[in-house]
């Protein structure tokens, strides 16, 4: 049993499961895209809120 684990460890899983590599790559890409979209949305909302607050402050004076 330990011989099988040692052999698998030295070869790496990419040779035995090539789809695992692509799935991992795809998952990383999806997570990156989702994170970028969320950051963009958050920045847009923050900018709008800042503009609203600054606009309210300007009209108060």
PDB file of N, CA and C in Angstrom:
ATOM      1  N   UNK A   1       0.828  -1.210   0.000  1.00  0.00           N
ATOM      2  CA  UNK A   1       0.000   0.000   0.000  1.00  0.00           C
ATOM      3  C   UNK A   1       0.866   1.267   0.000  1.00  0.00           C
ATOM      4  N   UNK A   2       1.880   1.280   0.842  1.00  0.00           N
ATOM      5  CA  UNK A   2       2.759   2.458   0.899  1.00  0.00           C
ATOM      6  C   UNK A   2       3.548   2.603  -0.406  1.00  0.00           C
ATOM      7  N   UNK A   3       3.821   1.481  -1.074  1.00  0.00           N
ATOM      8  CA  UNK A   3       4.532   1.512  -2.353  1.00  0.00           C
ATOM      9  C   UNK A   3       3.691   2.223  -3.418  1.00  0.00           C
ATOM     10  N   UNK A   4       2.391   1.952  -3.406  1.00  0.00           N
ATOM     11  CA  UNK A   4       1.473   2.583  -4.368  1.00  0.00           C
ATOM     12  C   UNK A   4       1.417   4.087  -4.120  1.00  0.00           C
ATOM     13  N   UNK A   5       1.333   4.482  -2.850  1.00  0.00           N
ATOM     14  CA  UNK A   5       1.263   5.906  -2.498  1.00  0.00           C
ATOM     15  C   UNK A   5       2.555   6.615  -2.905  1.00  0.00           C
ATOM     16  N   UNK A   6       3.695   5.960  -2.643  1.00  0.00           N
ATOM     17  CA  UNK A   6       4.992   6.554  -2.979  1.00  0.00           C
ATOM     18  C   UNK A   6       5.124   6.724  -4.491  1.00  0.00           C
ATOM     19  N   UNK A   7       4.685   5.714  -5.248  1.00  0.00           N
ATOM     20  CA  UNK A   7       4.793   5.774  -6.712  1.00  0.00           C
ATOM     21  C   UNK A   7       3.881   6.879  -7.256  1.00  0.00           C
ATOM     22  N   UNK A   8       2.682   6.972  -6.689  1.00  0.00           N
ATOM     23  CA  UNK A   8       1.724   7.984  -7.151  1.00  0.00           C
ATOM     24  C   UNK A   8       2.239   9.389  -6.817  1.00  0.00           C
ATOM     25  N   UNK A   9       2.894   9.506  -5.657  1.00  0.00           N
ATOM     26  CA  UNK A   9       3.415  10.809  -5.247  1.00  0.00           C
ATOM     27  C   UNK A   9       4.534  11.282  -6.152  1.00  0.00           C
ATOM     28  N   UNK A  10       5.400  10.361  -6.585  1.00  0.00           N
ATOM     29  CA  UNK A  10       6.531  10.756  -7.429  1.00  0.00           C
ATOM     30  C   UNK A  10       6.069  11.091  -8.844  1.00  0.00           C
ATOM     31  N   UNK A  11       5.056  10.379  -9.344  1.00  0.00           N
ATOM     32  CA  UNK A  11       4.551  10.639 -10.699  1.00  0.00           C
ATOM     33  C   UNK A  11       3.718  11.913 -10.748  1.00  0.00           C
ATOM     34  N   UNK A  12       2.981  12.157  -9.697  1.00  0.00           N
ATOM     35  CA  UNK A  12       2.046  13.281  -9.683  1.00  0.00           C
ATOM     36  C   UNK A  12       0.705  12.830 -10.233  1.00  0.00           C
ATOM     37  N   UNK A  13      -0.345  13.541  -9.856  1.00  0.00           N
ATOM     38  CA  UNK A  13      -1.699  13.133 -10.254  1.00  0.00           C
ATOM     39  C   UNK A  13      -2.044  13.550 -11.677  1.00  0.00           C
ATOM     40  N   UNK A  14      -1.296  14.485 -12.264  1.00  0.00           N
ATOM     41  CA  UNK A  14      -1.632  14.979 -13.600  1.00  0.00           C
ATOM     42  C   UNK A  14      -1.519  13.881 -14.659  1.00  0.00           C
ATOM     43  N   UNK A  15      -0.553  12.944 -14.472  1.00  0.00           N
ATOM     44  CA  UNK A  15      -0.379  11.880 -15.462  1.00  0.00           C
ATOM     45  C   UNK A  15      -1.538  10.883 -15.395  1.00  0.00           C
ATOM     46  N   UNK A  16      -2.042  10.637 -14.178  1.00  0.00           N
ATOM     47  CA  UNK A  16      -3.117   9.660 -14.017  1.00  0.00           C
ATOM     48  C   UNK A  16      -4.496  10.280 -14.244  1.00  0.00           C
ATOM     49  N   UNK A  17      -4.673  11.515 -13.773  1.00  0.00           N
ATOM     50  CA  UNK A  17      -5.962  12.205 -13.937  1.00  0.00           C
ATOM     51  C   UNK A  17      -5.719  13.535 -14.646  1.00  0.00           C
ATOM     52  N   UNK A  18      -5.684  13.543 -15.982  1.00  0.00           N
ATOM     53  CA  UNK A  18      -5.425  14.808 -16.697  1.00  0.00           C
ATOM     54  C   UNK A  18      -6.581  15.802 -16.557  1.00  0.00           C
ATOM     55  N   UNK A  19      -7.811  15.292 -16.404  1.00  0.00           N
ATOM     56  CA  UNK A  19      -8.969  16.180 -16.281  1.00  0.00           C
ATOM     57  C   UNK A  19      -8.944  16.951 -14.972  1.00  0.00           C
ATOM     58  N   UNK A  20      -8.247  16.404 -13.959  1.00  0.00           N
ATOM     59  CA  UNK A  20      -8.176  17.066 -12.658  1.00  0.00           C
ATOM     60  C   UNK A  20      -7.444  18.396 -12.783  1.00  0.00           C
ATOM     61  N   UNK A  21      -6.387  18.403 -13.608  1.00  0.00           N
ATOM     62  CA  UNK A  21      -5.601  19.621 -13.821  1.00  0.00           C
ATOM     63  C   UNK A  21      -6.471  20.700 -14.467  1.00  0.00           C
ATOM     64  N   UNK A  22      -7.230  20.306 -15.509  1.00  0.00           N
ATOM     65  CA  UNK A  22      -8.059  21.286 -16.213  1.00  0.00           C
ATOM     66  C   UNK A  22      -9.210  21.770 -15.337  1.00  0.00           C
ATOM     67  N   UNK A  23      -9.771  20.874 -14.531  1.00  0.00           N
ATOM     68  CA  UNK A  23     -10.841  21.268 -13.609  1.00  0.00           C
ATOM     69  C   UNK A  23     -10.315  22.283 -12.612  1.00  0.00           C
ATOM     70  N   UNK A  24      -9.110  22.038 -12.091  1.00  0.00           N
ATOM     71  CA  UNK A  24      -8.480  22.943 -11.135  1.00  0.00           C
ATOM     72  C   UNK A  24      -8.219  24.295 -11.779  1.00  0.00           C
ATOM     73  N   UNK A  25      -7.733  24.263 -13.020  1.00  0.00           N
ATOM     74  CA  UNK A  25      -7.448  25.489 -13.759  1.00  0.00           C
ATOM     75  C   UNK A  25      -8.731  26.283 -13.988  1.00  0.00           C
ATOM     76  N   UNK A  26      -9.793  25.582 -14.389  1.00  0.00           N
ATOM     77  CA  UNK A  26     -11.083  26.212 -14.650  1.00  0.00           C
ATOM     78  C   UNK A  26     -11.660  26.818 -13.376  1.00  0.00           C
ATOM     79  N   UNK A  27     -11.559  26.073 -12.276  1.00  0.00           N
ATOM     80  CA  UNK A  27     -12.049  26.564 -10.984  1.00  0.00           C
ATOM     81  C   UNK A  27     -11.321  27.838 -10.584  1.00  0.00           C
ATOM     82  N   UNK A  28     -10.001  27.840 -10.760  1.00  0.00           N
ATOM     83  CA  UNK A  28      -9.207  29.026 -10.436  1.00  0.00           C
ATOM     84  C   UNK A  28      -9.625  30.216 -11.276  1.00  0.00           C
ATOM     85  N   UNK A  29      -9.871  29.971 -12.552  1.00  0.00           N
ATOM     86  CA  UNK A  29     -10.285  31.028 -13.471  1.00  0.00           C
ATOM     87  C   UNK A  29     -11.650  31.594 -13.072  1.00  0.00           C
ATOM     88  N   UNK A  30     -12.589  30.695 -12.754  1.00  0.00           N
ATOM     89  CA  UNK A  30     -13.944  31.109 -12.365  1.00  0.00           C
ATOM     90  C   UNK A  30     -13.892  31.945 -11.084  1.00  0.00           C
ATOM     91  N   UNK A  31     -13.124  31.478 -10.103  1.00  0.00           N
ATOM     92  CA  UNK A  31     -13.000  32.206  -8.827  1.00  0.00           C
ATOM     93  C   UNK A  31     -12.392  33.586  -9.064  1.00  0.00           C
ATOM     94  N   UNK A  32     -11.385  33.660  -9.939  1.00  0.00           N
ATOM     95  CA  UNK A  32     -10.743  34.946 -10.254  1.00  0.00           C
ATOM     96  C   UNK A  32     -11.734  35.907 -10.897  1.00  0.00           C
ATOM     97  N   UNK A  33     -12.498  35.403 -11.864  1.00  0.00           N
ATOM     98  CA  UNK A  33     -13.476  36.246 -12.571  1.00  0.00           C
ATOM     99  C   UNK A  33     -14.548  36.748 -11.607  1.00  0.00           C
ATOM    100  N   UNK A  34     -15.068  35.852 -10.764  1.00  0.00           N
ATOM    101  CA  UNK A  34     -16.102  36.227  -9.795  1.00  0.00           C
ATOM    102  C   UNK A  34     -15.559  37.279  -8.830  1.00  0.00           C
ATOM    103  N   UNK A  35     -14.320  37.091  -8.366  1.00  0.00           N
ATOM    104  CA  UNK A  35     -13.706  38.053  -7.446  1.00  0.00           C
ATOM    105  C   UNK A  35     -13.560  39.409  -8.113  1.00  0.00           C
ATOM    106  N   UNK A  36     -13.121  39.419  -9.384  1.00  0.00           N
ATOM    107  CA  UNK A  36     -12.953  40.682 -10.113  1.00  0.00           C
ATOM    108  C   UNK A  36     -14.289  41.396 -10.278  1.00  0.00           C
ATOM    109  N   UNK A  37     -15.344  40.634 -10.595  1.00  0.00           N
ATOM    110  CA  UNK A  37     -16.681  41.225 -10.764  1.00  0.00           C
ATOM    111  C   UNK A  37     -17.163  41.817  -9.444  1.00  0.00           C
ATOM    112  N   UNK A  38     -16.995  41.054  -8.351  1.00  0.00           N
ATOM    113  CA  UNK A  38     -17.430  41.527  -7.035  1.00  0.00           C
ATOM    114  C   UNK A  38     -16.688  42.791  -6.631  1.00  0.00           C
ATOM    115  N   UNK A  39     -15.380  42.837  -6.870  1.00  0.00           N
ATOM    116  CA  UNK A  39     -14.593  44.020  -6.526  1.00  0.00           C
ATOM    117  C   UNK A  39     -15.053  45.218  -7.360  1.00  0.00           C
ATOM    118  N   UNK A  40     -15.327  44.990  -8.645  1.00  0.00           N
ATOM    119  CA  UNK A  40     -15.820  46.062  -9.508  1.00  0.00           C
ATOM    120  C   UNK A  40     -17.158  46.606  -9.052  1.00  0.00           C
ATOM    121  N   UNK A  41     -18.070  45.698  -8.707  1.00  0.00           N
ATOM    122  CA  UNK A  41     -19.400  46.099  -8.225  1.00  0.00           C
ATOM    123  C   UNK A  41     -19.274  46.873  -6.918  1.00  0.00           C
ATOM    124  N   UNK A  42     -18.416  46.355  -6.009  1.00  0.00           N
ATOM    125  CA  UNK A  42     -18.227  47.008  -4.716  1.00  0.00           C
ATOM    126  C   UNK A  42     -17.666  48.413  -4.893  1.00  0.00           C
ATOM    127  N   UNK A  43     -16.681  48.565  -5.782  1.00  0.00           N
ATOM    128  CA  UNK A  43     -16.076  49.885  -6.032  1.00  0.00           C
ATOM    129  C   UNK A  43     -17.087  50.851  -6.626  1.00  0.00           C
ATOM    130  N   UNK A  44     -17.934  50.346  -7.543  1.00  0.00           N
ATOM    131  CA  UNK A  44     -18.958  51.195  -8.166  1.00  0.00           C
ATOM    132  C   UNK A  44     -19.959  51.664  -7.120  1.00  0.00           C
ATOM    133  N   UNK A  45     -20.425  50.737  -6.265  1.00  0.00           N
ATOM    134  CA  UNK A  45     -21.394  51.082  -5.212  1.00  0.00           C
ATOM    135  C   UNK A  45     -20.783  52.098  -4.255  1.00  0.00           C
ATOM    136  N   UNK A  46     -19.504  51.876  -3.871  1.00  0.00           N
ATOM    137  CA  UNK A  46     -18.828  52.786  -2.942  1.00  0.00           C
ATOM    138  C   UNK A  46     -18.719  54.185  -3.534  1.00  0.00           C
ATOM    139  N   UNK A  47     -18.399  54.246  -4.828  1.00  0.00           N
ATOM    140  CA  UNK A  47     -18.264  55.540  -5.491  1.00  0.00           C
ATOM    141  C   UNK A  47     -19.608  56.273  -5.534  1.00  0.00           C
ATOM    142  N   UNK A  48     -20.682  55.504  -5.820  1.00  0.00           N
ATOM    143  CA  UNK A  48     -22.021  56.108  -5.877  1.00  0.00           C
ATOM    144  C   UNK A  48     -22.435  56.628  -4.499  1.00  0.00           C
ATOM    145  N   UNK A  49     -22.154  55.836  -3.463  1.00  0.00           N
ATOM    146  CA  UNK A  49     -22.516  56.240  -2.095  1.00  0.00           C
ATOM    147  C   UNK A  49     -21.725  57.478  -1.695  1.00  0.00           C
ATOM    148  N   UNK A  50     -20.436  57.504  -2.028  1.00  0.00           N
ATOM    149  CA  UNK A  50     -19.606  58.677  -1.726  1.00  0.00           C
ATOM    150  C   UNK A  50     -20.160  59.914  -2.432  1.00  0.00           C
ATOM    151  N   UNK A  51     -20.548  59.757  -3.693  1.00  0.00           N
ATOM    152  CA  UNK A  51     -21.096  60.880  -4.455  1.00  0.00           C
ATOM    153  C   UNK A  51     -22.397  61.374  -3.816  1.00  0.00           C
ATOM    154  N   UNK A  52     -23.224  60.425  -3.373  1.00  0.00           N
ATOM    155  CA  UNK A  52     -24.480  60.798  -2.712  1.00  0.00           C
ATOM    156  C   UNK A  52     -24.216  61.574  -1.430  1.00  0.00           C
ATOM    157  N   UNK A  53     -23.298  61.043  -0.606  1.00  0.00           N
ATOM    158  CA  UNK A  53     -22.995  61.694   0.675  1.00  0.00           C
ATOM    159  C   UNK A  53     -22.396  63.079   0.433  1.00  0.00           C
ATOM    160  N   UNK A  54     -21.447  63.166  -0.500  1.00  0.00           N
ATOM    161  CA  UNK A  54     -20.813  64.452  -0.809  1.00  0.00           C
ATOM    162  C   UNK A  54     -21.841  65.419  -1.399  1.00  0.00           C
ATOM    163  N   UNK A  55     -22.736  64.887  -2.226  1.00  0.00           N
ATOM    164  CA  UNK A  55     -23.781  65.720  -2.811  1.00  0.00           C
ATOM    165  C   UNK A  55     -24.702  66.285  -1.752  1.00  0.00           C
ATOM    166  N   UNK A  56     -25.069  65.449  -0.776  1.00  0.00           N
ATOM    167  CA  UNK A  56     -25.938  65.882   0.321  1.00  0.00           C
ATOM    168  C   UNK A  56     -25.218  66.948   1.150  1.00  0.00           C
ATOM    169  N   UNK A  57     -23.909  66.723   1.415  1.00  0.00           N
ATOM    170  CA  UNK A  57     -23.130  67.682   2.202  1.00  0.00           C
ATOM    171  C   UNK A  57     -23.028  69.028   1.489  1.00  0.00           C
ATOM    172  N   UNK A  58     -22.847  68.961   0.152  1.00  0.00           N
ATOM    173  CA  UNK A  58     -22.718  70.202  -0.621  1.00  0.00           C
ATOM    174  C   UNK A  58     -24.025  70.977  -0.581  1.00  0.00           C
ATOM    175  N   UNK A  59     -25.182  70.287  -0.690  1.00  0.00           N
ATOM    176  CA  UNK A  59     -26.476  70.977  -0.708  1.00  0.00           C
ATOM    177  C   UNK A  59     -26.817  71.521   0.678  1.00  0.00           C
ATOM    178  N   UNK A  60     -26.318  70.893   1.759  1.00  0.00           N
ATOM    179  CA  UNK A  60     -26.602  71.371   3.116  1.00  0.00           C
ATOM    180  C   UNK A  60     -25.975  72.734   3.363  1.00  0.00           C
ATOM    181  N   UNK A  61     -24.753  72.948   2.824  1.00  0.00           N
ATOM    182  CA  UNK A  61     -24.060  74.224   3.008  1.00  0.00           C
ATOM    183  C   UNK A  61     -24.783  75.292   2.187  1.00  0.00           C
TER     184      UNK A  61
END
